[in-house]
């Protein structure tokens, strides 16, 4: 049954990763300028337009459906594979920024990390290169693609089962969240309030598998870096 599930999962992954029509990139900023802005351990969020991106954005109520970790390099070249991601088809791989040239992007930068912490975060992610994408997450997301269910906003995130939890499997945001939590860097408050079966509010410890791409954008511990502003934009020199 496991082999059958994997085969079905691969077919689903191939379908869900296909782009949807009508996508618009709002920024025309050259990739080279983005590369010159990035620093090691920055997180690059992607506003995807595939079927699975639609499901993730709906359930997480966020613009961002994918996250990559920038590992740095000797030259800021958008064609050099210097982003680590967990991809639905290829698992944990290293890719070039060029892959996301046609998408809206956002840079999230941690504050106050030491060089040693940045190194440890990057090495943690590198050690997982070759791991496979957690296809259990695919089955959970596929249910919401035919039509968006009428679900109250506060329950939507709970409707995703965040993967199987196997150590050789990952999804994009949990891979990065685990890397940051390994060095003690926070993403969101450690505790979350949820309703139990009786409708009572209870506190639950937040696990790294509970994080989604949009959490890095919402986090009070990451700075949002916009290359246009970093490169000296003023109202007088706008294009």
Protein backbone atom coordinates (compact mmCIF):
# COMPACT_ATOMS: atom_id res chain seq x y z
CA UNK A 1 0.00 0.00 0.00
CA UNK A 2 2.91 2.35 0.66
CA UNK A 3 4.14 2.00 -2.92
CA UNK A 4 0.64 2.66 -4.22
CA UNK A 5 0.36 5.76 -2.03
CA UNK A 6 3.73 7.01 -3.26
CA UNK A 7 2.71 6.50 -6.88
CA UNK A 8 -0.55 8.36 -6.34
CA UNK A 9 1.32 11.07 -4.46
CA UNK A 10 3.75 11.56 -7.34
CA UNK A 11 0.90 11.88 -9.82
CA UNK A 12 -0.84 14.36 -7.57
CA UNK A 13 2.39 16.32 -7.16
CA UNK A 14 2.84 16.56 -10.93
CA UNK A 15 -0.70 17.91 -11.31
CA UNK A 16 -0.60 20.27 -8.34
CA UNK A 17 2.67 21.88 -9.44
CA UNK A 18 1.27 22.95 -12.82
CA UNK A 19 0.85 26.74 -13.14
CA UNK A 20 -2.55 28.37 -13.30
CA UNK A 21 -3.35 31.07 -15.90
CA UNK A 22 -3.76 34.77 -15.19
CA UNK A 23 -0.84 35.33 -12.82
CA UNK A 24 0.61 38.85 -12.57
CA UNK A 25 4.04 39.80 -11.27
CA UNK A 26 3.68 43.21 -9.64
CA UNK A 27 7.38 44.03 -9.48
CA UNK A 28 9.68 44.46 -12.46
CA UNK A 29 12.81 44.59 -10.33
CA UNK A 30 15.74 42.80 -12.02
CA UNK A 31 16.89 39.61 -10.33
CA UNK A 32 20.42 40.98 -10.10
CA UNK A 33 19.24 43.72 -7.73
CA UNK A 34 17.48 41.15 -5.56
CA UNK A 35 20.64 39.04 -5.47
CA UNK A 36 22.74 42.03 -4.42
CA UNK A 37 20.34 42.59 -1.51
CA UNK A 38 20.28 39.02 -0.16
CA UNK A 39 22.39 37.95 2.82
CA UNK A 40 23.14 34.39 4.00
CA UNK A 41 20.24 32.83 5.98
CA UNK A 42 17.69 35.27 4.49
CA UNK A 43 14.35 33.69 3.65
CA UNK A 44 12.84 34.27 0.21
CA UNK A 45 9.05 33.92 0.10
CA UNK A 46 7.34 33.14 -3.19
CA UNK A 47 3.83 34.07 -4.29
CA UNK A 48 3.28 30.96 -6.41
CA UNK A 49 0.57 30.35 -9.00
CA UNK A 50 0.35 26.56 -9.12
CA UNK A 51 -2.66 24.55 -7.98
CA UNK A 52 -0.98 23.68 -4.69
CA UNK A 53 -0.04 27.35 -4.16
CA UNK A 54 -3.72 28.26 -4.37
CA UNK A 55 -4.60 25.73 -1.68
CA UNK A 56 -1.78 26.84 0.64
CA UNK A 57 -2.64 30.52 0.28
CA UNK A 58 -6.32 29.87 0.94
CA UNK A 59 -5.80 27.72 4.02
CA UNK A 60 -3.09 29.94 5.52
CA UNK A 61 -4.76 33.23 4.53
CA UNK A 62 -1.49 34.52 3.12
CA UNK A 63 -0.02 35.82 -0.11
CA UNK A 64 2.97 33.49 0.25
CA UNK A 65 2.87 29.82 -0.68
CA UNK A 66 6.55 28.82 -0.72
CA UNK A 67 9.77 29.59 1.16
CA UNK A 68 13.46 29.19 0.28
CA UNK A 69 16.62 29.66 2.34
CA UNK A 70 19.42 31.72 0.82
CA UNK A 71 22.78 30.08 1.53
CA UNK A 72 25.05 32.72 0.01
CA UNK A 73 27.79 32.45 -2.56
CA UNK A 74 30.96 34.05 -3.85
CA UNK A 75 29.03 36.15 -6.40
CA UNK A 76 25.44 37.47 -6.47
CA UNK A 77 24.47 35.53 -9.58
CA UNK A 78 20.76 34.67 -10.10
CA UNK A 79 21.77 31.66 -12.20
CA UNK A 80 23.83 30.02 -9.46
CA UNK A 81 21.92 27.51 -7.27
CA UNK A 82 22.14 29.23 -3.89
CA UNK A 83 18.61 28.72 -2.53
CA UNK A 84 17.64 25.59 -0.59
CA UNK A 85 14.01 24.56 -0.85
CA UNK A 86 11.74 21.58 -0.36
CA UNK A 87 10.07 21.11 -3.74
CA UNK A 88 6.94 19.09 -4.32
CA UNK A 89 8.50 17.09 -7.16
CA UNK A 90 12.23 17.08 -6.42
CA UNK A 91 12.40 17.08 -2.62
CA UNK A 92 15.06 19.14 -0.82
CA UNK A 93 17.31 20.66 -3.47
CA UNK A 94 19.46 23.71 -4.17
CA UNK A 95 18.09 25.98 -6.92
CA UNK A 96 18.87 29.32 -8.54
CA UNK A 97 16.80 32.46 -7.97
CA UNK A 98 16.16 32.44 -11.73
CA UNK A 99 13.58 29.72 -11.10
CA UNK A 100 11.31 32.36 -9.54
CA UNK A 101 11.94 35.19 -11.98
CA UNK A 102 8.26 35.44 -12.93
CA UNK A 103 6.91 35.51 -9.37
CA UNK A 104 6.35 38.09 -6.66
CA UNK A 105 9.01 37.65 -3.98
CA UNK A 106 9.66 38.89 -0.45
CA UNK A 107 12.88 38.85 1.57
CA UNK A 108 12.61 38.15 5.31
CA UNK A 109 15.77 38.78 7.32
CA UNK A 110 16.47 37.67 10.90
CA UNK A 111 17.75 40.31 13.28
CA UNK A 112 20.86 39.94 15.43
CA UNK A 113 22.05 36.52 14.27
CA UNK A 114 25.75 35.82 14.72
CA UNK A 115 27.85 34.53 11.85
CA UNK A 116 28.02 31.18 13.67
CA UNK A 117 24.21 31.00 13.89
CA UNK A 118 23.85 31.79 10.19
CA UNK A 119 26.40 29.10 9.37
CA UNK A 120 24.59 26.53 11.55
CA UNK A 121 21.20 27.34 9.97
CA UNK A 122 22.61 26.90 6.47
CA UNK A 123 24.48 23.70 7.34
CA UNK A 124 21.35 22.25 8.95
CA UNK A 125 19.47 22.78 5.69
CA UNK A 126 22.35 21.52 3.55
CA UNK A 127 22.48 18.31 5.56
CA UNK A 128 18.93 17.60 4.40
CA UNK A 129 19.61 17.93 0.69
CA UNK A 130 18.22 14.86 -1.01
CA UNK A 131 15.38 14.36 1.46
CA UNK A 132 12.01 13.85 -0.18
CA UNK A 133 8.97 16.12 0.00
CA UNK A 134 6.40 14.93 2.53
CA UNK A 135 3.67 13.67 0.21
CA UNK A 136 1.26 13.22 3.11
CA UNK A 137 0.93 16.98 2.96
CA UNK A 138 -0.10 16.65 -0.71
CA UNK A 139 -3.08 14.45 0.10
CA UNK A 140 -4.24 16.93 2.74
CA UNK A 141 -4.01 19.91 0.38
CA UNK A 142 -5.56 18.17 -2.64
CA UNK A 143 -8.96 18.13 -0.95
CA UNK A 144 -9.31 21.89 -1.31
CA UNK A 145 -8.61 22.31 -5.01
CA UNK A 146 -11.98 21.52 -6.57
CA UNK A 147 -13.60 24.35 -4.68
CA UNK A 148 -12.75 26.38 -1.62
CA UNK A 149 -14.61 25.02 1.40
CA UNK A 150 -16.75 27.38 3.47
CA UNK A 151 -14.60 27.25 6.58
CA UNK A 152 -14.24 29.98 9.23
CA UNK A 153 -10.84 31.67 8.99
CA UNK A 154 -9.69 30.57 12.46
CA UNK A 155 -10.10 26.88 11.54
CA UNK A 156 -8.43 26.86 8.13
CA UNK A 157 -4.87 26.34 9.28
CA UNK A 158 -6.00 23.42 11.47
CA UNK A 159 -7.38 21.68 8.38
CA UNK A 160 -3.88 20.97 7.09
CA UNK A 161 -2.14 17.94 8.56
CA UNK A 162 1.44 19.09 8.48
CA UNK A 163 3.04 15.99 7.02
CA UNK A 164 3.93 12.63 8.42
CA UNK A 165 6.72 13.84 10.70
CA UNK A 166 9.25 11.38 9.30
CA UNK A 167 12.80 12.78 9.64
CA UNK A 168 13.69 12.25 5.96
CA UNK A 169 10.64 14.14 4.71
CA UNK A 170 10.00 17.88 4.69
CA UNK A 171 7.87 20.69 3.33
CA UNK A 172 9.35 24.09 2.55
CA UNK A 173 8.39 26.09 5.62
CA UNK A 174 8.96 23.34 8.18
CA UNK A 175 12.48 22.70 6.88
CA UNK A 176 13.43 26.36 7.38
CA UNK A 177 11.56 26.68 10.67
CA UNK A 178 13.37 23.66 12.10
CA UNK A 179 16.73 25.10 11.00
CA UNK A 180 16.04 28.39 12.80
CA UNK A 181 14.66 26.76 15.92
CA UNK A 182 17.79 24.60 16.13
CA UNK A 183 19.84 27.73 16.91
CA UNK A 184 17.17 29.10 19.24
CA UNK A 185 15.90 31.83 16.91
CA UNK A 186 12.13 32.45 17.34
CA UNK A 187 9.65 32.74 14.49
CA UNK A 188 6.35 33.20 16.32
CA UNK A 189 5.52 32.98 20.04
CA UNK A 190 6.23 29.50 21.42
CA UNK A 191 2.67 28.88 22.53
CA UNK A 192 -0.55 29.02 20.56
CA UNK A 193 -4.12 29.16 21.84
CA UNK A 194 -6.56 26.65 20.34
CA UNK A 195 -10.01 25.37 21.18
CA UNK A 196 -10.33 21.85 22.54
CA UNK A 197 -13.30 19.57 21.77
CA UNK A 198 -15.32 21.25 24.51
CA UNK A 199 -14.72 24.69 23.00
CA UNK A 200 -12.35 25.74 25.77
CA UNK A 201 -9.22 27.79 25.05
CA UNK A 202 -6.03 25.84 25.79
CA UNK A 203 -2.33 26.56 25.26
CA UNK A 204 -0.35 24.22 23.02
CA UNK A 205 3.40 24.27 22.39
CA UNK A 206 4.16 25.32 18.81
CA UNK A 207 6.09 22.63 16.89
CA UNK A 208 8.24 23.35 13.83
CA UNK A 209 5.71 21.47 11.68
CA UNK A 210 3.09 24.09 12.56
CA UNK A 211 4.79 26.83 10.53
CA UNK A 212 3.68 27.96 7.08
CA UNK A 213 5.44 30.32 4.61
CA UNK A 214 3.41 33.37 5.62
CA UNK A 215 4.58 33.06 9.23
CA UNK A 216 8.01 34.43 8.31
CA UNK A 217 6.28 37.50 6.88
CA UNK A 218 4.12 37.94 10.00
CA UNK A 219 6.92 37.21 12.45
CA UNK A 220 7.89 40.09 14.77
CA UNK A 221 11.48 38.80 14.69
CA UNK A 222 12.18 39.15 10.94
CA UNK A 223 12.75 42.35 9.03
CA UNK A 224 11.05 42.73 5.64
CA UNK A 225 13.74 43.82 3.18
CA UNK A 226 12.72 45.53 -0.06
CA UNK A 227 15.54 45.83 -2.60
CA UNK A 228 14.18 49.01 -4.18
CA UNK A 229 14.38 50.82 -0.84
CA UNK A 230 17.71 49.23 0.05
CA UNK A 231 19.15 50.57 -3.19
CA UNK A 232 18.24 54.17 -2.40
CA UNK A 233 14.71 54.73 -3.74
CA UNK A 234 13.25 58.20 -3.22
CA UNK A 235 10.20 59.86 -4.70
CA UNK A 236 12.52 61.91 -6.92
CA UNK A 237 14.33 58.97 -8.52
CA UNK A 238 11.44 56.61 -9.09
CA UNK A 239 11.43 54.89 -12.49
